[in-house]
């Protein structure tokens, strides 16, 4: 009798132990925010250009979205909505399948493929996955396998977007026979970045030139000409930036939206890069802020990141198409040559042609996407730049933030007014096209916390 009692006790203890070990793996929106933040930090470390960074965000979030949406009737596949994407495999083993876990695995796996410092994601994922596996080995195994399956499908689709081909295309040839054309700018005098980005396959827009803006003002140093007026405006604004009051306020705006990953710092004979977030990374940070304020669920957060990153990725393709077509000279080059050889802009001029303003285009596109998701007059406190020593700025809406981001480029002395105003219009029109042609929800689901 005693032996039977002992055996029963052992079995009961083992049963309770297994039940404790195999608890459900709870995945929240915060886990996804952490994943996106991790990818952003690695992009900053690896110094990706703004267009390339936008591609990384778009594919990683699409992978997560496609893995997530198979568990809900609210969300539609992006197949047939983004160019050339075929249906991702449906899960065959659904026993214990955790779609949120699979979604994060897909995100990390695609992201790992697109960055240089793979070890930084691998080490983090190894630790994260061990914790999840200890909670429920069977669920983890099934969910991870499905996440990897989706990631492989996205990677095959991604490999056909012409990115690899652009790596071997010729560098941008600087024209010295035309004084209106872009010239490399100090202090590093770098080559033009991504001159073939218009060859990248778009996500939603039909072609890189679908939202081709009006041409910039014709280069002219004749006083009173539209170009001359815009050039002098940049010079005068930049010359008064350190005055108290309006000048210092403009400096704060310029620095807050700088987001230039190519800033070169010189000390003696040494030159090194000051690593910063990209403009797309800044708006991805705003997406996180909005999701947290709205208490968005995991699924709603993935939707927000995905739609916003797609709008920005197409925005960069559209903007870069125009940059290397108009090939317009930067204010710094003109002012130093014709007006004041000692003048320097508040911000360091990034290494590509002037028109249109990339910040303006992608800020307009991102603001439209975020307004569609969270509504207009959505106020928020933007702390995205606090890791870089900059204070929080507050905005009453995404559109207000995009307008400030655009004008910050004129205040920073790196863009003429036309590039800012036309660029913002270009981005907003493109953003509206994206949200009108991208149906992610079958019916608009409420923003709730799970």
Protein backbone atom coordinates (compact mmCIF):
# COMPACT_ATOMS: atom_id res chain seq x y z
CA UNK A 1 0.00 0.00 0.00
CA UNK A 2 2.84 2.34 0.92
CA UNK A 3 4.60 1.62 -2.43
CA UNK A 4 1.43 2.46 -4.39
CA UNK A 5 1.08 5.73 -2.46
CA UNK A 6 4.71 6.67 -3.17
CA UNK A 7 4.32 5.88 -6.88
CA UNK A 8 1.16 7.96 -7.07
CA UNK A 9 2.96 10.86 -5.33
CA UNK A 10 5.86 10.72 -7.78
CA UNK A 11 3.51 10.67 -10.79
CA UNK A 12 1.51 13.56 -9.38
CA UNK A 13 4.69 15.57 -8.77
CA UNK A 14 5.94 14.92 -12.31
CA UNK A 15 2.56 15.84 -13.74
CA UNK A 16 2.45 19.11 -11.82
CA UNK A 17 6.05 19.86 -12.82
CA UNK A 18 5.30 19.31 -16.52
CA UNK A 19 2.18 21.45 -16.29
CA UNK A 20 4.23 24.24 -14.74
CA UNK A 21 6.93 23.98 -17.39
CA UNK A 22 4.57 23.87 -20.38
CA UNK A 23 2.66 27.06 -19.72
CA UNK A 24 1.50 29.19 -22.65
CA UNK A 25 4.13 31.52 -24.08
CA UNK A 26 2.70 34.99 -23.58
CA UNK A 27 3.82 37.38 -26.33
CA UNK A 28 2.80 41.04 -26.09
CA UNK A 29 3.16 44.16 -28.19
CA UNK A 30 6.16 45.08 -26.05
CA UNK A 31 8.00 42.03 -27.35
CA UNK A 32 7.47 43.32 -30.88
CA UNK A 33 8.57 46.84 -29.96
CA UNK A 34 11.74 45.31 -28.52
CA UNK A 35 12.36 43.43 -31.77
CA UNK A 36 12.00 46.60 -33.84
CA UNK A 37 14.20 48.58 -31.44
CA UNK A 38 16.85 45.86 -31.68
CA UNK A 39 16.84 46.08 -35.48
CA UNK A 40 17.07 49.88 -35.34
CA UNK A 41 20.06 49.83 -32.98
CA UNK A 42 21.92 47.44 -35.27
CA UNK A 43 21.16 49.62 -38.30
CA UNK A 44 22.68 52.58 -36.45
CA UNK A 45 25.74 50.49 -35.56
CA UNK A 46 26.16 49.25 -39.14
CA UNK A 47 25.58 52.76 -40.64
CA UNK A 48 22.97 51.93 -43.25
CA UNK A 49 21.88 54.65 -45.65
CA UNK A 50 18.29 55.94 -45.32
CA UNK A 51 16.99 54.15 -48.45
CA UNK A 52 18.60 50.83 -47.48
CA UNK A 53 17.30 51.14 -43.92
CA UNK A 54 13.77 51.61 -45.25
CA UNK A 55 14.08 48.35 -47.19
CA UNK A 56 15.18 46.53 -44.02
CA UNK A 57 12.16 47.78 -42.07
CA UNK A 58 9.71 46.96 -44.86
CA UNK A 59 10.71 43.35 -45.46
CA UNK A 60 11.14 42.50 -41.77
CA UNK A 61 7.72 43.88 -40.87
CA UNK A 62 6.02 42.25 -43.87
CA UNK A 63 7.43 38.88 -42.77
CA UNK A 64 6.06 39.42 -39.27
CA UNK A 65 2.69 40.54 -40.62
CA UNK A 66 2.27 37.53 -42.90
CA UNK A 67 3.10 35.11 -40.07
CA UNK A 68 0.73 36.92 -37.71
CA UNK A 69 -2.29 37.39 -39.95
CA UNK A 70 -2.92 33.63 -40.51
CA UNK A 71 -4.35 33.51 -36.97
CA UNK A 72 -7.02 36.15 -37.40
CA UNK A 73 -9.95 36.81 -39.69
CA UNK A 74 -9.37 40.58 -39.35
CA UNK A 75 -6.23 40.75 -41.45
CA UNK A 76 -5.76 40.11 -45.16
CA UNK A 77 -2.63 38.78 -46.77
CA UNK A 78 -0.51 41.28 -48.65
CA UNK A 79 -0.42 38.86 -51.58
CA UNK A 80 -1.73 40.68 -54.64
CA UNK A 81 -1.36 44.01 -52.84
CA UNK A 82 2.40 44.40 -52.79
CA UNK A 83 4.25 43.71 -55.99
CA UNK A 84 5.04 40.09 -56.89
CA UNK A 85 4.40 38.64 -53.43
CA UNK A 86 2.99 35.10 -53.70
CA UNK A 87 0.98 33.47 -50.88
CA UNK A 88 3.07 32.49 -47.87
CA UNK A 89 2.69 28.84 -46.80
CA UNK A 90 -0.22 28.15 -44.51
CA UNK A 91 0.79 26.34 -41.29
CA UNK A 92 0.45 22.55 -41.54
CA UNK A 93 1.23 21.81 -37.90
CA UNK A 94 -1.12 23.93 -35.80
CA UNK A 95 -0.86 22.03 -32.51
CA UNK A 96 0.39 24.60 -30.03
CA UNK A 97 1.13 27.12 -32.80
CA UNK A 98 1.65 30.59 -31.34
CA UNK A 99 1.28 33.03 -34.24
CA UNK A 100 2.72 35.94 -32.28
CA UNK A 101 5.87 33.97 -31.55
CA UNK A 102 6.08 32.89 -35.19
CA UNK A 103 5.67 36.53 -36.20
CA UNK A 104 8.62 37.67 -34.11
CA UNK A 105 10.76 34.78 -35.35
CA UNK A 106 9.97 35.76 -38.96
CA UNK A 107 10.85 39.39 -38.18
CA UNK A 108 14.21 38.52 -36.65
CA UNK A 109 15.09 35.99 -39.34
CA UNK A 110 14.49 38.39 -42.24
CA UNK A 111 16.13 41.25 -40.34
CA UNK A 112 19.19 39.10 -39.69
CA UNK A 113 19.57 38.55 -43.43
CA UNK A 114 19.53 42.26 -44.17
CA UNK A 115 22.04 43.66 -41.67
CA UNK A 116 25.81 43.24 -41.37
CA UNK A 117 26.17 42.49 -37.66
CA UNK A 118 24.25 39.22 -37.71
CA UNK A 119 25.87 38.12 -34.45
CA UNK A 120 24.10 40.94 -32.59
CA UNK A 121 20.71 39.50 -33.51
CA UNK A 122 21.84 35.89 -33.13
CA UNK A 123 23.07 36.34 -29.56
CA UNK A 124 19.91 38.14 -28.51
CA UNK A 125 17.63 35.61 -30.21
CA UNK A 126 19.46 32.64 -28.68
CA UNK A 127 18.77 33.96 -25.19
CA UNK A 128 15.18 34.94 -25.99
CA UNK A 129 14.39 31.61 -27.64
CA UNK A 130 15.83 29.62 -24.74
CA UNK A 131 13.44 31.35 -22.35
CA UNK A 132 10.45 30.66 -24.60
CA UNK A 133 11.47 27.06 -25.17
CA UNK A 134 11.67 26.45 -21.42
CA UNK A 135 8.11 27.69 -21.04
CA UNK A 136 6.63 25.31 -23.58
CA UNK A 137 9.01 23.23 -25.74
CA UNK A 138 6.37 21.86 -28.13
CA UNK A 139 4.66 25.17 -28.76
CA UNK A 140 8.01 26.87 -29.25
CA UNK A 141 9.20 24.24 -31.72
CA UNK A 142 6.03 24.45 -33.82
CA UNK A 143 5.87 28.24 -33.74
CA UNK A 144 9.54 28.80 -34.54
CA UNK A 145 9.35 26.36 -37.44
CA UNK A 146 6.43 28.26 -38.95
CA UNK A 147 8.12 31.62 -38.43
CA UNK A 148 11.21 30.35 -40.25
CA UNK A 149 9.06 28.97 -43.05
CA UNK A 150 7.41 32.35 -43.61
CA UNK A 151 10.78 34.11 -43.40
CA UNK A 152 12.23 31.86 -46.12
CA UNK A 153 9.30 32.67 -48.38
CA UNK A 154 9.76 36.42 -47.85
CA UNK A 155 13.52 36.15 -48.43
CA UNK A 156 12.98 34.48 -51.79
CA UNK A 157 10.56 37.24 -52.80
CA UNK A 158 12.93 39.88 -51.46
CA UNK A 159 15.85 38.52 -53.49
CA UNK A 160 14.08 39.52 -56.73
CA UNK A 161 13.70 43.25 -56.00
CA UNK A 162 16.88 44.25 -57.92
CA UNK A 163 18.81 45.25 -54.80
CA UNK A 164 21.63 42.79 -55.53
CA UNK A 165 21.89 44.07 -59.10
CA UNK A 166 22.21 47.68 -57.95
CA UNK A 167 25.27 46.73 -55.88
CA UNK A 168 27.25 46.21 -59.08
CA UNK A 169 25.92 49.17 -61.07
CA UNK A 170 28.28 52.09 -61.81
CA UNK A 171 28.81 54.84 -59.27
CA UNK A 172 27.19 58.19 -59.87
CA UNK A 173 29.23 60.30 -62.28
CA UNK A 174 29.62 63.85 -61.03
CA UNK A 175 29.17 66.45 -63.77
CA UNK A 176 31.66 69.30 -63.81
CA UNK A 177 30.41 70.84 -67.07
CA UNK A 178 27.16 72.11 -65.54
CA UNK A 179 27.28 74.46 -62.55
CA UNK A 180 23.71 73.56 -61.55
CA UNK A 181 24.55 69.90 -60.88
CA UNK A 182 25.30 68.28 -57.55
CA UNK A 183 28.87 68.20 -56.26
CA UNK A 184 30.18 66.19 -53.27
CA UNK A 185 30.06 68.28 -50.10
CA UNK A 186 32.39 68.74 -47.11
CA UNK A 187 33.78 67.45 -44.91
CA UNK A 188 34.03 63.92 -46.36
CA UNK A 189 33.15 64.68 -50.01
CA UNK A 190 31.48 61.29 -50.32
CA UNK A 191 30.16 59.83 -53.57
CA UNK A 192 26.43 60.11 -54.21
CA UNK A 193 24.61 57.49 -52.15
CA UNK A 194 22.37 54.93 -53.91
CA UNK A 195 22.16 56.54 -57.37
CA UNK A 196 20.32 53.48 -58.70
CA UNK A 197 17.65 53.25 -56.01
CA UNK A 198 14.96 54.00 -58.60
CA UNK A 199 15.68 50.49 -59.96
CA UNK A 200 14.46 48.86 -56.74
CA UNK A 201 11.08 47.15 -57.11
CA UNK A 202 8.41 49.27 -55.39
CA UNK A 203 5.99 47.75 -52.88
CA UNK A 204 2.67 49.43 -53.71
CA UNK A 205 3.30 52.28 -56.15
CA UNK A 206 3.35 51.32 -59.82
CA UNK A 207 6.75 52.78 -60.70
CA UNK A 208 9.48 54.94 -59.24
CA UNK A 209 8.34 57.96 -61.26
CA UNK A 210 4.61 57.62 -60.56
CA UNK A 211 4.75 60.63 -58.24
CA UNK A 212 7.31 62.58 -60.23
CA UNK A 213 7.21 66.13 -58.86
CA UNK A 214 7.41 69.37 -60.80
CA UNK A 215 11.01 70.31 -61.68
CA UNK A 216 12.93 72.49 -59.22
CA UNK A 217 13.45 76.19 -59.93
CA UNK A 218 15.89 76.66 -62.79
CA UNK A 219 19.44 77.35 -61.57
CA UNK A 220 20.22 81.04 -61.91
CA UNK A 221 22.47 83.42 -60.00
CA UNK A 222 20.56 86.39 -61.37
CA UNK A 223 19.16 88.39 -58.47
CA UNK A 224 15.39 88.13 -58.37
CA UNK A 225 15.22 84.72 -60.07
CA UNK A 226 13.24 82.04 -58.18
CA UNK A 227 16.36 79.96 -57.59
CA UNK A 228 18.40 82.91 -56.34
CA UNK A 229 15.64 83.92 -53.93
CA UNK A 230 15.50 80.42 -52.48
CA UNK A 231 19.28 80.21 -52.18
CA UNK A 232 19.47 83.58 -50.42
CA UNK A 233 16.69 82.50 -48.06
CA UNK A 234 18.77 79.48 -46.97
CA UNK A 235 21.82 81.73 -46.53
CA UNK A 236 19.99 84.34 -44.48
CA UNK A 237 18.13 81.83 -42.34
CA UNK A 238 21.37 79.96 -41.68
CA UNK A 239 23.27 83.16 -40.88
CA UNK A 240 20.72 84.10 -38.20
CA UNK A 241 20.26 80.67 -36.66
CA UNK A 242 22.24 81.43 -33.53
CA UNK A 243 20.25 84.51 -32.61
CA UNK A 244 18.11 84.25 -29.50
CA UNK A 245 14.42 83.51 -29.96
CA UNK A 246 13.33 82.27 -33.37
CA UNK A 247 16.87 81.40 -34.44
CA UNK A 248 17.51 79.08 -31.50
CA UNK A 249 14.07 77.49 -31.93
CA UNK A 250 14.92 76.70 -35.54
CA UNK A 251 18.26 75.21 -34.49
CA UNK A 252 16.42 72.92 -32.07
CA UNK A 253 14.09 71.76 -34.84
CA UNK A 254 16.95 71.20 -37.28
CA UNK A 255 18.96 69.16 -34.80
CA UNK A 256 15.96 67.12 -33.65
CA UNK A 257 15.20 65.94 -37.19
CA UNK A 258 18.81 65.65 -38.39
CA UNK A 259 18.80 61.83 -38.60
CA UNK A 260 21.93 61.72 -40.77
CA UNK A 261 23.82 58.42 -40.38
CA UNK A 262 26.76 59.84 -42.38
CA UNK A 263 27.87 62.67 -40.10
CA UNK A 264 31.68 62.86 -40.19
CA UNK A 265 33.58 64.28 -37.23
CA UNK A 266 37.12 65.59 -37.60
CA UNK A 267 39.63 65.78 -34.75
CA UNK A 268 43.12 66.66 -35.88
CA UNK A 269 44.09 64.13 -38.54
CA UNK A 270 41.36 61.72 -37.49
CA UNK A 271 37.92 61.42 -39.08
CA UNK A 272 35.17 59.19 -37.70
CA UNK A 273 31.45 58.75 -38.09
CA UNK A 274 28.98 59.97 -35.51
CA UNK A 275 26.33 57.26 -35.68
CA UNK A 276 22.73 58.42 -35.82
CA UNK A 277 19.29 57.07 -36.54
CA UNK A 278 17.92 57.39 -40.10
CA UNK A 279 14.81 59.48 -40.88
CA UNK A 280 12.90 56.24 -41.43
CA UNK A 281 14.14 55.00 -38.07
CA UNK A 282 12.81 58.17 -36.45
CA UNK A 283 9.32 57.56 -37.85
CA UNK A 284 9.49 53.91 -36.81
CA UNK A 285 10.17 55.27 -33.33
CA UNK A 286 7.10 57.49 -33.61
CA UNK A 287 5.11 54.40 -34.62
CA UNK A 288 6.14 52.73 -31.36
CA UNK A 289 5.16 55.83 -29.38
CA UNK A 290 1.72 55.86 -31.03
CA UNK A 291 1.18 52.14 -30.44
CA UNK A 292 2.02 52.48 -26.76
CA UNK A 293 -0.18 55.53 -26.26
CA UNK A 294 -3.10 53.81 -28.00
CA UNK A 295 -2.46 50.59 -26.06
CA UNK A 296 -2.43 48.82 -29.41
CA UNK A 297 -2.51 45.04 -29.40
CA UNK A 298 0.33 42.95 -30.81
CA UNK A 299 -1.58 42.55 -34.06
CA UNK A 300 -2.43 46.25 -34.38
CA UNK A 301 1.18 47.16 -33.68
CA UNK A 302 2.45 44.84 -36.43
CA UNK A 303 -0.09 46.40 -38.79
CA UNK A 304 1.08 49.91 -37.91
CA UNK A 305 4.77 49.15 -38.38
CA UNK A 306 4.12 47.30 -41.64
CA UNK A 307 1.97 49.93 -43.30
CA UNK A 308 4.22 52.77 -42.20
CA UNK A 309 7.41 51.03 -43.33
CA UNK A 310 5.90 50.20 -46.74
CA UNK A 311 4.86 53.84 -47.25
CA UNK A 312 8.34 55.04 -46.35
CA UNK A 313 10.10 52.45 -48.51
CA UNK A 314 8.08 53.50 -51.54
CA UNK A 315 8.69 57.11 -50.54
CA UNK A 316 12.45 56.64 -50.74
CA UNK A 317 12.18 54.98 -54.16
CA UNK A 318 10.09 57.91 -55.41
CA UNK A 319 12.33 60.55 -53.87
CA UNK A 320 15.60 59.02 -55.06
CA UNK A 321 14.15 58.72 -58.56
CA UNK A 322 13.81 62.50 -58.60
CA UNK A 323 17.07 63.26 -56.79
CA UNK A 324 19.24 61.73 -59.48
CA UNK A 325 17.05 62.99 -62.32
CA UNK A 326 17.13 66.68 -61.33
CA UNK A 327 20.64 66.25 -59.85
CA UNK A 328 20.46 69.68 -58.23
CA UNK A 329 23.37 71.33 -56.45
CA UNK A 330 23.19 71.76 -52.65
CA UNK A 331 22.89 75.20 -50.97
CA UNK A 332 26.26 74.82 -49.24
CA UNK A 333 28.09 74.46 -52.55
CA UNK A 334 26.36 77.44 -54.17
CA UNK A 335 26.68 79.74 -51.17
CA UNK A 336 30.37 78.94 -50.65
CA UNK A 337 31.12 79.56 -54.33
CA UNK A 338 29.09 82.67 -55.01
CA UNK A 339 28.12 84.33 -51.71
CA UNK A 340 30.26 83.47 -48.68
CA UNK A 341 33.12 80.98 -48.71
CA UNK A 342 33.05 80.71 -44.91
CA UNK A 343 29.34 79.93 -44.56
CA UNK A 344 28.46 76.52 -43.14
CA UNK A 345 25.01 75.00 -42.62
CA UNK A 346 23.73 74.10 -39.17
CA UNK A 347 23.52 70.47 -40.25
CA UNK A 348 26.10 68.51 -42.19
CA UNK A 349 24.97 68.15 -45.80
CA UNK A 350 24.18 64.50 -46.62
CA UNK A 351 25.86 62.89 -49.66
CA UNK A 352 23.28 62.98 -52.45
CA UNK A 353 21.55 65.55 -54.69
CA UNK A 354 19.21 68.14 -53.24
CA UNK A 355 15.75 67.87 -54.85
CA UNK A 356 13.40 66.70 -53.42
CA UNK A 357 13.99 66.51 -49.68
CA UNK A 358 14.03 62.90 -48.49
CA UNK A 359 12.90 63.90 -45.00
CA UNK A 360 9.95 65.75 -46.47
CA UNK A 361 8.85 62.90 -48.73
CA UNK A 362 9.05 60.08 -46.21
CA UNK A 363 7.72 62.17 -43.33
CA UNK A 364 4.68 63.04 -45.43
CA UNK A 365 4.15 59.40 -46.39
CA UNK A 366 4.63 58.09 -42.85
CA UNK A 367 2.29 60.71 -41.37
CA UNK A 368 -0.47 59.72 -43.78
CA UNK A 369 -0.11 56.04 -42.88
CA UNK A 370 -0.08 56.71 -39.14
CA UNK A 371 -3.06 59.05 -39.40
CA UNK A 372 -4.99 56.30 -41.20
CA UNK A 373 -4.25 53.91 -38.34
CA UNK A 374 -4.50 56.13 -35.27
CA UNK A 375 -6.56 59.07 -36.49
CA UNK A 376 -5.97 62.77 -36.98
CA UNK A 377 -5.23 65.07 -34.02
CA UNK A 378 -3.35 62.23 -32.34
CA UNK A 379 -1.04 64.11 -29.99
CA UNK A 380 2.21 62.54 -28.83
CA UNK A 381 5.51 63.28 -27.13
CA UNK A 382 8.39 62.32 -29.39
CA UNK A 383 11.31 61.00 -27.33
CA UNK A 384 12.95 59.19 -30.27
CA UNK A 385 16.04 61.38 -30.16
CA UNK A 386 16.70 61.29 -26.40
CA UNK A 387 19.39 58.57 -26.80
CA UNK A 388 21.27 61.13 -28.91
CA UNK A 389 21.11 63.83 -26.25
CA UNK A 390 18.14 65.75 -27.65
CA UNK A 391 15.04 66.75 -25.66
CA UNK A 392 11.49 65.52 -26.19
CA UNK A 393 9.33 67.44 -28.66
CA UNK A 394 5.54 67.38 -28.56
CA UNK A 395 3.14 67.36 -31.52
CA UNK A 396 -0.63 67.59 -31.91
CA UNK A 397 -0.73 65.28 -34.93
CA UNK A 398 1.44 63.23 -37.25
CA UNK A 399 0.91 65.80 -40.00
CA UNK A 400 2.16 68.57 -37.73
CA UNK A 401 5.29 66.51 -37.03
CA UNK A 402 5.83 65.88 -40.74
CA UNK A 403 5.56 69.59 -41.52
CA UNK A 404 8.18 70.41 -38.90
CA UNK A 405 10.43 67.60 -40.13
CA UNK A 406 10.24 69.03 -43.64
CA UNK A 407 10.96 72.64 -42.66
CA UNK A 408 13.82 71.53 -40.43
CA UNK A 409 15.81 70.82 -43.58
CA UNK A 410 15.65 74.46 -44.65
CA UNK A 411 16.53 75.56 -41.11
CA UNK A 412 19.46 73.16 -41.19
CA UNK A 413 20.77 74.82 -44.35
CA UNK A 414 20.74 71.71 -46.52
CA UNK A 415 17.60 72.24 -48.66
CA UNK A 416 15.91 75.03 -50.57
CA UNK A 417 12.25 75.77 -49.90
CA UNK A 418 11.01 74.05 -53.08
CA UNK A 419 12.59 70.73 -52.08
CA UNK A 420 10.81 70.94 -48.73
CA UNK A 421 7.36 72.02 -49.86
CA UNK A 422 7.20 69.96 -53.05
CA UNK A 423 8.74 66.98 -51.23
CA UNK A 424 6.11 67.06 -48.50
CA UNK A 425 3.36 67.19 -51.13
CA UNK A 426 5.00 64.31 -53.01
CA UNK A 427 5.15 62.21 -49.84
CA UNK A 428 1.57 62.90 -48.81
CA UNK A 429 0.21 62.07 -52.26
CA UNK A 430 2.24 58.87 -52.32
CA UNK A 431 1.14 58.00 -48.78
CA UNK A 432 -2.51 58.43 -49.71
CA UNK A 433 -2.02 56.18 -52.71
CA UNK A 434 -0.45 53.50 -50.49
CA UNK A 435 -3.18 53.50 -47.86
CA UNK A 436 -5.90 53.50 -50.54
CA UNK A 437 -4.38 50.51 -52.35
CA UNK A 438 -3.29 48.54 -49.29
CA UNK A 439 -6.20 46.81 -47.56
CA UNK A 440 -4.78 45.14 -44.50
CA UNK A 441 -7.95 44.77 -42.47
CA UNK A 442 -11.14 43.07 -43.61
CA UNK A 443 -12.97 45.33 -41.22
CA UNK A 444 -11.43 48.04 -39.11
CA UNK A 445 -10.62 46.46 -35.77
CA UNK A 446 -10.48 48.47 -32.60
CA UNK A 447 -7.21 49.37 -30.94
CA UNK A 448 -7.24 47.27 -27.79
CA UNK A 449 -4.60 45.84 -25.51
CA UNK A 450 -4.15 42.08 -25.14
